[in-house]
Amino acid sequence: MAVNLKGRSFLTLMDFTPSEIRYMLDLSHDLKAKKRAGISNYILKGKNIVLLFEKTSTRTRCAFEVGALEEGAHVTYLDQNSSQMGKKESLEDTAKVLGRYYDGIEYRGYKQSVVEDLAKYSGVPVWNGLTDVDHPTQILADMLTIEEHVAKPLNKVKVVFAGDTRNNMTYAWMYGCAKMGMHFVAFGPQELAPSKEVMDRVQEVAKETGAIIEFSSDSASVQNADVIYSDVWASMGEEDQIPARVKLLTPYKVTMELLQKTGNPDVIFMHCLPAFHDFETKMAKEWMDKGFDIREVTDEVFRSRHCVAFDEAENRMHTIKAIMVATL
């Protein structure tokens, strides 16, 4: 059956069918191959896109800007200091204005309700670049990366997310795995287990797709994993929680020992970046000086053949480009 996503917003993978997600992945593969071959179609020529960033980002901003420009679109970037949204102008009014100027709007910030309201009031496709409870563009890039490195269809792949399993990355993974019939294990402390509301939502989808979505604090749950995934232990604005989080999450640090427990010599390690894997960053060094090792993954793992984090980072651009092309 033909898939047509023109005019649709991309707010969460829960809004899409497995076949629609498959279409976006196939389009991502195609656009990546064309870029590698030096083929430019300028599919977005004449389109204008605005990027609204309440949270800073390297990969999300660059992926949207480069992806849009390569397909011929014009991009405007607005941070918190460049927009009156929520200050002198309501979100609704801002959305209605931007919808008159732009063909598409990207939002990266805090509340999921903001990106939903932008889509509700703007009248143009809106893309979720990250909120407190979801990160769908990252998951699409991650799935593309898995297809490039794991010789199995997605519905045969087991992903284990190690660490804080009550955050936007874990939830985004649960949504994606549920939709694509994958096996997902949230591996972390009971105190940071996924919420019952999210678990109930994904289990309903899993009944239809055959997905397995589970939580475990036992390292035995990593056995037969194809992917070990991790993220930083303290998100933006949570630095004051670092001492408690280090104590709670250190048993779930990704080490070579953990990779070996999978029993899979070809297991890949993935990370949405930025990652604390050494002490070459100001933050990691300062906390180590205070006696807290905030690294969620060891340098040995991060620099090993298992790590595909930079392939994953590149794929943010190809999948984001596909999302814009598909919806515009």
Protein backbone atom coordinates (compact mmCIF):
# COMPACT_ATOMS: atom_id res chain seq x y z
CA MET A 1 0.00 0.00 0.00
CA ALA A 2 1.32 3.44 -0.94
CA VAL A 3 2.40 5.71 1.91
CA ASN A 4 1.78 9.45 1.78
CA LEU A 5 2.98 11.53 4.73
CA LYS A 6 2.69 14.96 3.09
CA GLY A 7 1.36 17.53 5.54
CA ARG A 8 1.86 15.26 8.57
CA SER A 9 3.69 16.36 11.71
CA PHE A 10 6.40 14.18 13.27
CA LEU A 11 5.77 14.44 17.02
CA THR A 12 6.20 10.84 18.20
CA LEU A 13 6.62 7.44 16.56
CA MET A 14 3.39 6.43 18.29
CA ASP A 15 1.55 8.50 15.67
CA PHE A 16 2.80 6.29 12.82
CA THR A 17 2.10 2.78 11.61
CA PRO A 18 4.94 0.27 11.16
CA SER A 19 4.62 0.64 7.39
CA GLU A 20 4.92 4.43 7.64
CA ILE A 21 8.04 4.12 9.79
CA ARG A 22 9.39 1.58 7.30
CA TYR A 23 8.77 4.09 4.51
CA MET A 24 10.76 6.79 6.33
CA LEU A 25 13.63 4.37 6.93
CA ASP A 26 13.68 3.29 3.28
CA LEU A 27 13.65 6.94 2.20
CA SER A 28 16.55 7.60 4.59
CA HIS A 29 18.58 4.78 3.04
CA ASP A 30 17.83 6.17 -0.42
CA LEU A 31 18.72 9.78 0.40
CA LYS A 32 21.93 8.68 2.12
CA ALA A 33 22.94 6.64 -0.93
CA LYS A 34 22.24 9.59 -3.21
CA LYS A 35 24.34 11.91 -1.05
CA ARG A 36 27.21 9.43 -1.15
CA ALA A 37 26.86 9.29 -4.94
CA GLY A 38 26.84 13.07 -5.23
CA ILE A 39 23.25 13.18 -6.45
CA SER A 40 21.23 16.25 -5.42
CA ASN A 41 17.53 16.44 -6.21
CA TYR A 42 16.74 19.70 -4.35
CA ILE A 43 13.38 18.24 -3.38
CA LEU A 44 12.78 21.05 -0.89
CA LYS A 45 13.66 23.91 -3.24
CA GLY A 46 11.54 26.96 -2.43
CA LYS A 47 10.63 25.68 1.06
CA ASN A 48 11.27 27.71 4.21
CA ILE A 49 11.95 26.01 7.53
CA VAL A 50 12.28 27.48 11.03
CA LEU A 51 14.12 25.80 13.89
CA LEU A 52 12.93 26.67 17.41
CA PHE A 53 15.48 25.72 20.07
CA GLU A 54 14.75 26.12 23.78
CA LYS A 55 17.44 23.48 24.44
CA THR A 56 20.81 23.68 22.73
CA SER A 57 22.07 20.88 20.51
CA THR A 58 24.93 20.08 18.16
CA ARG A 59 23.56 17.14 16.17
CA THR A 60 19.90 18.16 15.97
CA ARG A 61 20.60 21.69 14.77
CA CYS A 62 23.31 20.68 12.30
CA ALA A 63 21.28 17.75 10.97
CA PHE A 64 18.24 19.92 10.28
CA GLU A 65 20.27 22.78 8.79
CA VAL A 66 22.49 20.67 6.54
CA GLY A 67 19.69 18.30 5.55
CA ALA A 68 17.40 21.17 4.59
CA LEU A 69 20.07 23.13 2.73
CA GLU A 70 21.21 20.09 0.77
CA GLU A 71 17.66 19.66 -0.52
CA GLY A 72 17.34 23.35 -1.40
CA ALA A 73 15.36 24.74 1.54
CA HIS A 74 16.08 27.96 3.41
CA VAL A 75 16.53 27.72 7.19
CA THR A 76 15.95 30.22 10.02
CA TYR A 77 17.29 29.40 13.50
CA LEU A 78 15.62 30.91 16.58
CA ASP A 79 16.84 30.31 20.12
CA GLN A 80 15.22 31.51 23.35
CA ASN A 81 16.73 34.97 22.94
CA SER A 82 15.54 35.32 19.33
CA SER A 83 11.84 34.65 19.82
CA GLN A 84 9.05 36.16 21.93
CA MET A 85 7.25 32.80 22.20
CA GLY A 86 5.92 32.39 25.71
CA LYS A 87 7.24 35.79 26.80
CA LYS A 88 5.56 38.67 24.98
CA GLU A 89 3.55 36.43 22.67
CA SER A 90 1.55 33.30 23.40
CA LEU A 91 2.57 29.97 21.93
CA GLU A 92 -0.68 29.90 19.93
CA ASP A 93 -0.06 33.31 18.40
CA THR A 94 3.57 32.50 17.62
CA ALA A 95 2.55 29.25 15.93
CA LYS A 96 -0.03 31.04 13.77
CA VAL A 97 2.53 33.63 12.69
CA LEU A 98 5.25 31.11 11.90
CA GLY A 99 2.75 29.03 9.94
CA ARG A 100 2.24 32.04 7.64
CA TYR A 101 5.97 32.39 6.96
CA TYR A 102 7.26 28.83 6.98
CA ASP A 103 6.48 25.49 5.38
CA GLY A 104 7.76 23.49 8.36
CA ILE A 105 8.68 24.04 12.01
CA GLU A 106 11.18 22.11 14.14
CA TYR A 107 11.01 22.38 17.94
CA ARG A 108 13.55 21.23 20.53
CA GLY A 109 12.76 21.97 24.13
CA TYR A 110 10.96 20.77 27.22
CA LYS A 111 7.22 20.04 27.25
CA GLN A 112 5.66 17.67 24.71
CA SER A 113 2.58 19.89 24.87
CA VAL A 114 4.57 22.71 23.22
CA VAL A 115 5.38 20.73 20.10
CA GLU A 116 1.80 19.43 20.01
CA ASP A 117 0.39 22.97 20.24
CA LEU A 118 2.75 24.18 17.52
CA ALA A 119 1.32 21.49 15.26
CA LYS A 120 -2.23 22.30 16.34
CA TYR A 121 -2.06 26.03 15.64
CA SER A 122 0.52 26.53 12.89
CA GLY A 123 -1.17 24.67 10.06
CA VAL A 124 2.17 23.29 8.79
CA PRO A 125 4.19 20.14 9.58
CA VAL A 126 5.99 20.32 12.92
CA TRP A 127 8.94 18.06 13.81
CA ASN A 128 9.92 17.05 17.32
CA GLY A 129 13.67 17.58 17.79
CA LEU A 130 13.45 16.49 21.47
CA THR A 131 11.17 17.01 24.43
CA ASP A 132 11.29 15.83 28.03
CA VAL A 133 9.38 12.67 27.15
CA ASP A 134 10.33 11.80 23.57
CA HIS A 135 13.08 11.98 20.94
CA PRO A 136 11.66 10.40 17.76
CA THR A 137 14.18 11.76 15.23
CA GLN A 138 16.97 10.09 17.22
CA ILE A 139 15.24 6.70 17.17
CA LEU A 140 14.76 6.82 13.41
CA ALA A 141 18.51 7.47 13.03
CA ASP A 142 19.25 4.65 15.47
CA MET A 143 17.12 2.20 13.50
CA LEU A 144 18.87 3.19 10.28
CA THR A 145 22.21 2.56 11.99
CA ILE A 146 21.10 -0.84 13.26
CA GLU A 147 20.05 -1.85 9.76
CA GLU A 148 23.54 -0.95 8.54
CA HIS A 149 25.37 -2.92 11.24
CA VAL A 150 23.15 -5.80 12.33
CA ALA A 151 22.40 -8.55 9.82
CA LYS A 152 18.83 -9.08 11.00
CA PRO A 153 15.46 -7.50 10.27
CA LEU A 154 14.42 -5.05 12.97
CA ASN A 155 11.76 -7.37 14.37
CA LYS A 156 14.51 -9.88 15.23
CA VAL A 157 16.77 -7.33 16.97
CA LYS A 158 17.20 -7.06 20.75
CA VAL A 159 18.05 -3.62 22.15
CA VAL A 160 19.12 -3.12 25.78
CA PHE A 161 19.10 0.41 27.17
CA ALA A 162 21.43 0.61 30.19
CA GLY A 163 21.13 3.30 32.85
CA ASP A 164 18.30 5.74 33.59
CA THR A 165 15.27 4.05 32.07
CA ARG A 166 12.78 6.77 32.97
CA ASN A 167 13.80 9.45 30.46
CA ASN A 168 12.98 10.69 26.99
CA MET A 169 15.48 8.40 25.22
CA THR A 170 14.21 5.26 26.91
CA TYR A 171 10.60 6.17 26.21
CA ALA A 172 11.36 7.02 22.59
CA TRP A 173 13.06 3.64 22.21
CA MET A 174 10.09 1.87 23.78
CA TYR A 175 7.73 3.56 21.33
CA GLY A 176 9.93 2.70 18.35
CA CYS A 177 10.52 -0.90 19.37
CA ALA A 178 6.85 -1.46 20.11
CA LYS A 179 5.87 -0.17 16.67
CA MET A 180 8.51 -2.21 14.81
CA GLY A 181 8.04 -5.47 16.70
CA MET A 182 11.46 -5.38 18.36
CA HIS A 183 12.73 -6.78 21.67
CA PHE A 184 13.57 -3.96 24.08
CA VAL A 185 14.96 -4.24 27.60
CA ALA A 186 15.14 -1.23 29.90
CA PHE A 187 18.09 -2.23 32.12
CA GLY A 188 18.45 -0.03 35.18
CA PRO A 189 17.65 0.51 38.87
CA GLN A 190 14.12 -0.05 40.12
CA GLU A 191 14.05 3.54 41.37
CA LEU A 192 14.27 4.74 37.74
CA ALA A 193 12.02 2.16 36.11
CA PRO A 194 9.77 3.32 33.23
CA SER A 195 6.42 4.74 34.30
CA LYS A 196 3.41 2.44 34.37
CA GLU A 197 1.58 4.77 31.96
CA VAL A 198 4.28 4.42 29.30
CA MET A 199 4.62 0.66 29.86
CA ASP A 200 0.86 0.21 29.46
CA ARG A 201 0.85 2.23 26.22
CA VAL A 202 3.65 0.28 24.59
CA GLN A 203 2.31 -3.10 25.74
CA GLU A 204 -0.94 -2.37 23.90
CA VAL A 205 1.00 -1.75 20.69
CA ALA A 206 3.22 -4.78 21.33
CA LYS A 207 0.14 -7.04 21.32
CA GLU A 208 -0.37 -6.09 17.66
CA THR A 209 3.27 -6.15 16.48
CA GLY A 210 4.75 -9.01 18.51
CA ALA A 211 7.23 -6.71 20.24
CA ILE A 212 8.70 -7.59 23.64
CA ILE A 213 9.11 -4.60 25.97
CA GLU A 214 10.45 -5.28 29.44
CA PHE A 215 12.30 -3.81 32.43
CA SER A 216 15.05 -5.50 34.43
CA SER A 217 17.69 -4.67 37.02
CA ASP A 218 19.48 -7.96 36.39
CA SER A 219 22.55 -7.89 34.13
CA ALA A 220 21.54 -11.33 32.85
CA SER A 221 18.90 -9.48 30.82
CA VAL A 222 21.60 -8.32 28.36
CA GLN A 223 22.13 -11.88 27.12
CA ASN A 224 21.78 -12.20 23.31
CA ALA A 225 21.51 -8.44 22.87
CA ASP A 226 22.35 -7.06 19.45
CA VAL A 227 22.56 -3.49 20.73
CA ILE A 228 23.65 -2.01 24.06
CA TYR A 229 22.53 1.61 24.30
CA SER A 230 23.32 4.29 26.87
CA ASP A 231 22.85 7.97 27.57
CA VAL A 232 24.26 10.52 30.03
CA TRP A 233 23.18 10.08 33.65
CA ALA A 234 22.15 13.69 34.16
CA SER A 235 20.28 15.64 31.49
CA MET A 236 20.41 19.40 31.00
CA GLY A 237 19.41 21.16 34.19
CA GLU A 238 19.84 18.06 36.37
CA GLU A 239 23.47 18.57 37.33
CA ASP A 240 22.54 18.97 41.01
CA GLN A 241 21.40 15.34 40.99
CA ILE A 242 24.75 13.97 39.83
CA PRO A 243 26.10 12.65 43.18
CA ALA A 244 22.95 10.60 43.83
CA ARG A 245 22.74 9.45 40.23
CA VAL A 246 26.36 8.29 40.10
CA LYS A 247 25.74 6.09 43.15
CA LEU A 248 22.52 4.73 41.68
CA LEU A 249 23.67 4.20 38.09
CA THR A 250 27.30 3.09 38.35
CA PRO A 251 26.24 -0.61 38.38
CA TYR A 252 24.70 0.00 34.94
CA LYS A 253 27.77 1.58 33.34
CA VAL A 254 28.57 0.10 29.93
CA THR A 255 31.84 -1.79 30.22
CA MET A 256 33.56 -4.49 28.22
CA GLU A 257 32.41 -6.93 30.88
CA LEU A 258 28.79 -5.96 30.21
CA LEU A 259 29.26 -6.38 26.45
CA GLN A 260 30.76 -9.82 27.04
CA LYS A 261 27.71 -10.80 29.09
CA THR A 262 25.62 -10.51 25.94
CA GLY A 263 27.38 -13.57 24.52
CA ASN A 264 27.34 -11.78 21.17
CA PRO A 265 30.85 -11.05 19.82
CA ASP A 266 29.33 -8.63 17.31
CA VAL A 267 27.16 -6.65 19.73
CA ILE A 268 27.19 -2.95 18.90
CA PHE A 269 27.26 -0.06 21.35
CA MET A 270 25.13 2.97 20.55
CA HIS A 271 24.81 6.39 22.16
CA CYS A 272 22.84 9.49 21.14
CA LEU A 273 25.78 11.75 22.17
CA PRO A 274 27.29 13.72 23.73
CA ALA A 275 28.85 10.96 25.84
CA PHE A 276 30.97 11.01 28.96
CA HIS A 277 33.54 8.31 28.23
CA ASP A 278 36.80 9.97 29.31
CA PHE A 279 37.88 13.00 31.34
CA GLU A 280 38.58 15.33 28.43
CA THR A 281 35.44 17.40 29.06
CA LYS A 282 35.28 20.13 31.67
CA MET A 283 32.24 18.60 33.35
CA ALA A 284 33.63 15.07 33.63
CA LYS A 285 36.95 16.35 34.97
CA GLU A 286 35.39 18.68 37.52
CA TRP A 287 33.15 15.96 38.91
CA MET A 288 35.99 13.43 38.99
CA ASP A 289 37.99 15.95 41.02
CA LYS A 290 35.08 15.88 43.49
CA GLY A 291 35.21 12.09 43.60
CA PHE A 292 32.36 11.30 41.19
CA ASP A 293 32.94 9.33 37.98
CA ILE A 294 30.01 10.44 35.80
CA ARG A 295 30.97 8.30 32.78
CA GLU A 296 28.07 6.15 31.59
CA VAL A 297 30.42 4.19 29.30
CA THR A 298 34.10 3.37 29.60
CA ASP A 299 36.60 4.78 27.14
CA GLU A 300 37.57 1.21 26.27
CA VAL A 301 34.06 0.49 24.97
CA PHE A 302 33.60 3.89 23.33
CA ARG A 303 36.80 3.56 21.29
CA SER A 304 36.31 -0.10 20.47
CA ARG A 305 35.07 -1.74 17.27
CA HIS A 306 31.70 -2.22 18.97
CA CYS A 307 30.92 1.51 19.08
CA VAL A 308 28.95 2.92 16.14
CA ALA A 309 28.01 6.22 17.80
CA PHE A 310 29.48 8.38 15.04
CA ASP A 311 27.73 6.45 12.26
CA GLU A 312 24.61 7.00 14.33
CA ALA A 313 25.35 10.74 14.60
CA GLU A 314 25.76 11.02 10.83
CA ASN A 315 22.48 9.21 10.31
CA ARG A 316 20.65 11.94 12.22
CA MET A 317 21.08 14.06 9.10
CA HIS A 318 19.89 11.43 6.64
CA THR A 319 16.80 10.47 8.64
CA ILE A 320 15.88 14.08 9.46
CA LYS A 321 16.22 14.91 5.78
CA ALA A 322 13.87 12.01 5.02
CA ILE A 323 11.33 13.27 7.56
CA MET A 324 11.33 16.75 6.01
CA VAL A 325 11.10 15.40 2.45
CA ALA A 326 8.31 12.99 3.36
CA THR A 327 6.15 15.55 5.17
CA LEU A 328 6.76 18.55 2.89
